[in-house]
N, C-alpha and C. Protein backbone atom coordinates (compact mmCIF):
# COMPACT_ATOMS: atom_id res chain seq x y z
N MET A 1 84.15 94.63 88.62
CA MET A 1 83.23 93.33 89.48
C MET A 1 82.24 93.43 89.87
N ALA A 2 81.26 94.24 90.03
CA ALA A 2 80.39 94.40 90.33
C ALA A 2 79.41 94.04 89.22
N ASN A 3 79.27 94.29 87.93
CA ASN A 3 79.12 93.63 86.90
C ASN A 3 79.28 92.23 86.95
N GLU A 4 80.43 91.07 87.40
CA GLU A 4 80.50 90.38 87.33
C GLU A 4 79.39 89.43 87.64
N THR A 5 79.34 90.01 89.48
CA THR A 5 78.57 89.49 90.33
C THR A 5 77.60 89.52 90.58
N MET A 6 76.53 90.11 89.36
CA MET A 6 75.26 91.01 89.65
C MET A 6 74.57 90.17 88.59
N VAL A 7 75.04 89.29 87.37
CA VAL A 7 74.41 89.18 86.41
C VAL A 7 73.35 88.14 86.61
N SER A 8 73.45 87.33 87.40
CA SER A 8 72.20 86.47 87.70
C SER A 8 71.62 86.57 89.17
N THR A 9 69.51 86.67 89.05
CA THR A 9 69.75 86.58 90.60
C THR A 9 69.23 85.10 91.40
N ASN A 10 69.53 84.25 90.52
CA ASN A 10 68.82 82.57 91.10
C ASN A 10 69.71 82.19 92.40
N ARG A 11 69.14 81.73 93.74
CA ARG A 11 70.26 81.25 94.43
C ARG A 11 70.12 79.40 93.82
N ALA A 12 71.86 78.90 93.72
CA ALA A 12 71.88 77.78 93.69
C ALA A 12 71.80 77.02 94.97
N ALA A 13 71.28 76.04 95.55
CA ALA A 13 71.17 75.42 96.36
C ALA A 13 72.69 75.03 97.32
N ASN A 14 73.33 75.20 98.26
CA ASN A 14 74.00 74.12 98.64
C ASN A 14 74.19 73.96 100.28
N GLY A 15 75.13 73.50 100.69
CA GLY A 15 74.55 72.87 102.23
C GLY A 15 74.04 74.39 103.01
N SER A 16 74.07 75.43 103.04
CA SER A 16 73.56 76.23 103.80
C SER A 16 72.37 77.12 103.03
N GLY A 17 71.69 76.74 102.21
CA GLY A 17 70.88 76.59 100.96
C GLY A 17 70.97 78.66 100.53
N VAL A 18 71.78 78.98 100.31
CA VAL A 18 72.88 80.40 99.82
C VAL A 18 73.93 79.67 98.96
N SER A 19 73.96 80.00 97.74
CA SER A 19 74.60 79.97 97.02
C SER A 19 76.10 80.95 97.19
N SER A 20 77.22 80.32 96.74
CA SER A 20 78.33 81.29 97.10
C SER A 20 78.42 82.54 95.55
N GLU A 21 77.55 82.33 95.03
CA GLU A 21 77.16 83.61 93.56
C GLU A 21 76.28 84.34 94.15
N TYR A 22 75.50 83.96 94.98
CA TYR A 22 74.43 85.19 95.81
C TYR A 22 75.30 85.56 96.39
N ALA A 23 75.83 85.08 97.65
CA ALA A 23 76.80 85.54 98.37
C ALA A 23 77.67 86.39 97.84
N SER A 24 78.49 86.40 97.16
CA SER A 24 79.15 86.89 96.33
C SER A 24 78.50 88.51 95.66
N ARG A 25 77.08 88.04 95.34
CA ARG A 25 76.60 89.32 94.46
C ARG A 25 75.86 90.18 95.83
N LEU A 26 75.65 89.91 96.99
CA LEU A 26 75.34 90.62 98.28
C LEU A 26 76.53 91.37 98.65
N LYS A 27 77.24 91.01 98.98
CA LYS A 27 78.89 91.16 99.28
C LYS A 27 79.30 92.39 97.90
N ALA A 28 79.63 92.57 96.73
CA ALA A 28 79.66 93.05 95.75
C ALA A 28 78.77 94.47 95.87
N ILE A 29 76.94 93.95 96.17
CA ILE A 29 76.21 96.04 96.61
C ILE A 29 76.92 95.99 97.60
N ARG A 30 76.41 95.65 98.75
CA ARG A 30 77.17 96.05 100.13
C ARG A 30 78.58 97.07 99.96
N GLU A 31 79.60 96.68 99.20
CA GLU A 31 80.65 96.86 99.19
C GLU A 31 80.85 98.55 98.05
N ILE A 32 79.98 98.39 97.06
CA ILE A 32 80.06 99.38 96.05
C ILE A 32 78.67 100.61 97.25
N LYS A 33 78.11 99.76 98.06
CA LYS A 33 77.36 101.05 98.13
C LYS A 33 78.08 101.50 99.86
N ASN A 34 78.75 100.80 100.04
CA ASN A 34 80.01 101.85 101.31
C ASN A 34 81.03 102.10 100.83
N SER A 35 81.10 101.92 99.51
CA SER A 35 82.78 102.81 99.45
C SER A 35 81.95 104.15 98.84
N VAL A 36 80.93 104.33 98.55
CA VAL A 36 80.20 105.64 97.73
C VAL A 36 79.92 106.69 98.73
N ILE A 37 79.46 106.09 99.84
CA ILE A 37 79.49 107.14 100.60
C ILE A 37 80.21 107.69 101.41
N GLY A 38 80.08 109.30 101.32
CA GLY A 38 80.34 110.59 100.97
C GLY A 38 81.61 110.61 100.27
N ASN A 39 81.92 109.60 98.76
CA ASN A 39 83.02 109.87 98.73
C ASN A 39 82.42 110.28 96.57
N ARG A 40 82.16 111.51 96.71
CA ARG A 40 81.92 111.56 94.99
C ARG A 40 82.21 110.53 94.18
N PHE A 41 84.02 111.14 94.26
CA PHE A 41 84.35 110.60 93.41
C PHE A 41 84.01 108.97 92.86
N LYS A 42 83.73 107.91 93.77
CA LYS A 42 83.36 106.61 93.58
C LYS A 42 82.06 106.62 93.43
N LYS A 43 81.00 107.52 93.70
CA LYS A 43 80.26 107.21 93.28
C LYS A 43 79.89 107.76 91.64
N LEU A 44 80.74 108.65 91.24
CA LEU A 44 81.23 108.81 89.41
C LEU A 44 81.13 107.33 89.14
N GLN A 45 82.04 106.97 89.44
CA GLN A 45 82.91 105.50 89.39
C GLN A 45 81.57 104.88 88.36
N TYR A 46 80.61 104.41 89.61
CA TYR A 46 79.74 103.47 89.50
C TYR A 46 78.25 103.75 89.09
N LEU A 47 78.20 104.83 88.53
CA LEU A 47 77.25 105.09 87.59
C LEU A 47 77.18 104.17 86.90
N HIS A 48 77.96 103.83 86.44
CA HIS A 48 77.64 102.29 84.72
C HIS A 48 76.61 101.25 85.51
N VAL A 49 76.78 100.98 87.28
CA VAL A 49 76.03 99.69 87.97
C VAL A 49 74.39 100.09 87.97
N LEU A 50 74.41 101.31 87.80
CA LEU A 50 72.70 101.87 88.17
C LEU A 50 71.92 100.77 87.56
N PRO A 51 72.04 100.53 86.12
CA PRO A 51 70.79 99.70 85.85
C PRO A 51 71.32 98.20 86.03
N GLU A 52 71.82 97.64 86.26
CA GLU A 52 71.97 96.36 86.90
C GLU A 52 71.54 96.43 88.17
N LEU A 53 71.56 97.29 88.95
CA LEU A 53 70.57 97.35 90.41
C LEU A 53 69.55 97.57 89.86
N HIS A 54 69.00 98.50 89.16
CA HIS A 54 67.75 98.66 88.95
C HIS A 54 67.00 97.29 88.17
N SER A 55 67.90 96.56 87.69
CA SER A 55 67.43 95.18 87.18
C SER A 55 66.87 94.24 88.67
N LEU A 56 68.09 94.64 89.29
CA LEU A 56 67.89 93.85 90.15
C LEU A 56 66.52 93.59 91.61
N VAL A 57 66.42 95.00 91.97
CA VAL A 57 65.11 95.80 92.19
C VAL A 57 63.88 95.17 91.66
N SER A 58 63.56 95.35 90.09
CA SER A 58 62.82 94.76 89.23
C SER A 58 62.81 93.40 89.25
N SER A 59 63.42 92.60 89.65
CA SER A 59 63.44 90.89 89.04
C SER A 59 63.84 90.49 89.80
N SER A 60 64.55 90.26 91.21
CA SER A 60 64.93 90.27 92.20
C SER A 60 64.30 89.66 93.18
N PRO A 61 63.59 88.18 93.60
CA PRO A 61 62.60 87.48 94.58
C PRO A 61 63.39 87.46 96.05
N ASP A 62 64.73 87.88 96.30
CA ASP A 62 65.30 87.89 97.47
C ASP A 62 64.96 89.06 98.21
N ASN A 63 64.46 89.76 98.68
CA ASN A 63 64.02 91.03 99.35
C ASN A 63 65.09 91.65 99.55
N GLU A 64 66.25 90.48 100.65
CA GLU A 64 67.64 91.30 101.06
C GLU A 64 68.32 91.50 99.71
N LEU A 65 68.52 90.71 99.04
CA LEU A 65 69.20 91.68 97.54
C LEU A 65 68.39 92.63 97.22
N ARG A 66 67.28 93.36 96.94
CA ARG A 66 66.72 93.94 96.62
C ARG A 66 66.90 95.74 97.09
N VAL A 67 67.21 95.23 98.78
CA VAL A 67 67.02 96.16 99.93
C VAL A 67 68.49 96.87 99.59
N GLN A 68 69.24 96.05 99.35
CA GLN A 68 70.85 96.27 99.12
C GLN A 68 71.02 97.06 97.98
N ALA A 69 70.42 96.69 97.35
CA ALA A 69 70.41 97.19 95.54
C ALA A 69 69.66 98.45 95.94
N LEU A 70 68.45 98.82 96.33
CA LEU A 70 68.24 100.45 96.27
C LEU A 70 69.19 100.68 97.16
N ALA A 71 69.53 100.72 98.54
CA ALA A 71 70.48 101.09 99.16
C ALA A 71 71.78 102.15 98.48
N ALA A 72 72.08 100.79 97.55
CA ALA A 72 73.42 101.19 96.79
C ALA A 72 72.98 102.21 95.86
N ILE A 73 71.52 102.30 95.49
CA ILE A 73 71.57 103.24 94.33
C ILE A 73 70.83 105.14 94.72
N GLY A 74 70.81 104.92 96.19
CA GLY A 74 70.32 105.84 96.63
C GLY A 74 71.34 106.28 97.40
N SER A 75 73.09 105.41 97.90
CA SER A 75 74.11 106.03 97.65
C SER A 75 74.77 106.52 97.00
N ILE A 76 74.69 105.91 96.00
CA ILE A 76 75.31 106.52 94.50
C ILE A 76 74.69 107.94 94.28
N ALA A 77 73.43 108.01 94.05
CA ALA A 77 72.52 109.38 93.67
C ALA A 77 72.88 110.47 94.84
N TYR A 78 72.91 110.10 95.83
CA TYR A 78 72.45 110.78 96.77
C TYR A 78 73.51 112.03 96.76
N GLY A 79 73.63 113.71 96.67
CA GLY A 79 74.05 114.68 96.68
C GLY A 79 75.28 114.54 95.26
N VAL A 80 74.81 114.03 94.00
CA VAL A 80 75.43 113.74 92.82
C VAL A 80 74.77 113.89 91.91
N GLU A 81 74.48 115.42 91.50
CA GLU A 81 73.37 115.59 90.34
C GLU A 81 73.36 114.62 89.29
N GLU A 82 74.82 114.04 88.30
CA GLU A 82 75.09 113.00 87.96
C GLU A 82 74.65 111.46 88.27
N GLY A 83 74.07 111.27 89.49
CA GLY A 83 73.75 109.97 89.87
C GLY A 83 72.14 110.01 89.68
N VAL A 84 71.56 111.20 89.79
CA VAL A 84 70.02 111.58 90.19
C VAL A 84 69.96 111.59 88.39
N LYS A 85 70.80 111.94 87.28
CA LYS A 85 70.63 111.96 86.14
C LYS A 85 70.24 110.77 85.63
N ALA A 86 71.56 109.99 85.81
CA ALA A 86 71.47 108.25 85.73
C ALA A 86 70.46 107.75 85.90
N ILE A 87 69.63 108.08 86.90
CA ILE A 87 68.66 106.89 87.49
C ILE A 87 67.71 107.41 86.37
N VAL A 88 66.91 108.37 86.55
CA VAL A 88 66.05 109.07 85.38
C VAL A 88 66.14 108.97 84.02
N GLU A 89 67.75 108.52 83.81
CA GLU A 89 67.74 108.18 81.81
C GLU A 89 67.89 106.94 81.85
N CYS A 90 67.73 105.51 83.12
CA CYS A 90 67.77 104.34 83.12
C CYS A 90 66.29 104.17 83.12
N ASN A 91 65.34 105.16 83.29
CA ASN A 91 63.98 104.64 83.81
C ASN A 91 63.75 103.99 85.39
N GLY A 92 64.97 104.62 86.19
CA GLY A 92 64.96 103.91 87.19
C GLY A 92 63.90 104.66 88.72
N VAL A 93 63.43 105.64 88.36
CA VAL A 93 62.41 106.40 89.14
C VAL A 93 61.16 105.72 89.18
N ASP A 94 60.37 105.17 88.06
CA ASP A 94 59.45 104.01 87.92
C ASP A 94 59.54 102.46 88.75
N ASN A 95 61.00 101.80 88.71
CA ASN A 95 60.97 101.19 89.38
C ASN A 95 61.50 101.34 90.92
N LEU A 96 61.94 102.54 91.11
CA LEU A 96 62.08 103.15 92.71
C LEU A 96 60.46 103.20 93.32
N VAL A 97 59.53 103.90 92.33
CA VAL A 97 58.34 104.04 93.40
C VAL A 97 57.85 102.61 93.15
N GLN A 98 57.41 101.72 92.48
CA GLN A 98 56.82 100.50 92.22
C GLN A 98 57.40 99.45 93.45
N ALA A 99 59.27 100.25 93.71
CA ALA A 99 59.67 99.19 94.78
C ALA A 99 59.33 99.53 96.58
N LEU A 100 58.73 100.66 96.07
CA LEU A 100 58.01 101.39 97.74
C LEU A 100 56.73 101.01 98.18
N THR A 101 56.05 100.61 96.75
CA THR A 101 54.49 100.35 96.81
C THR A 101 54.64 98.86 97.15
């Protein structure tokens, strides 16, 4: 689900100025973030989305999407060595440092 909703970072305007694709992607990222908190098994299940989340952090023009992606990355990696390794393996450390500067 997450990969399907995170393919593009562009907003298509509709009546509210927010596309349903954008809203779906934001919802998916929040669901990932919330589902992995305190759940080691879920964190391991979502390791494969880390490259997509890093891509959003580095390329999305939308701050809310970037913040949620960063929070999801942190939630997946917190307390799980495999999560930290996955971030390092996808060159995520530099990406995270750049997001903080």
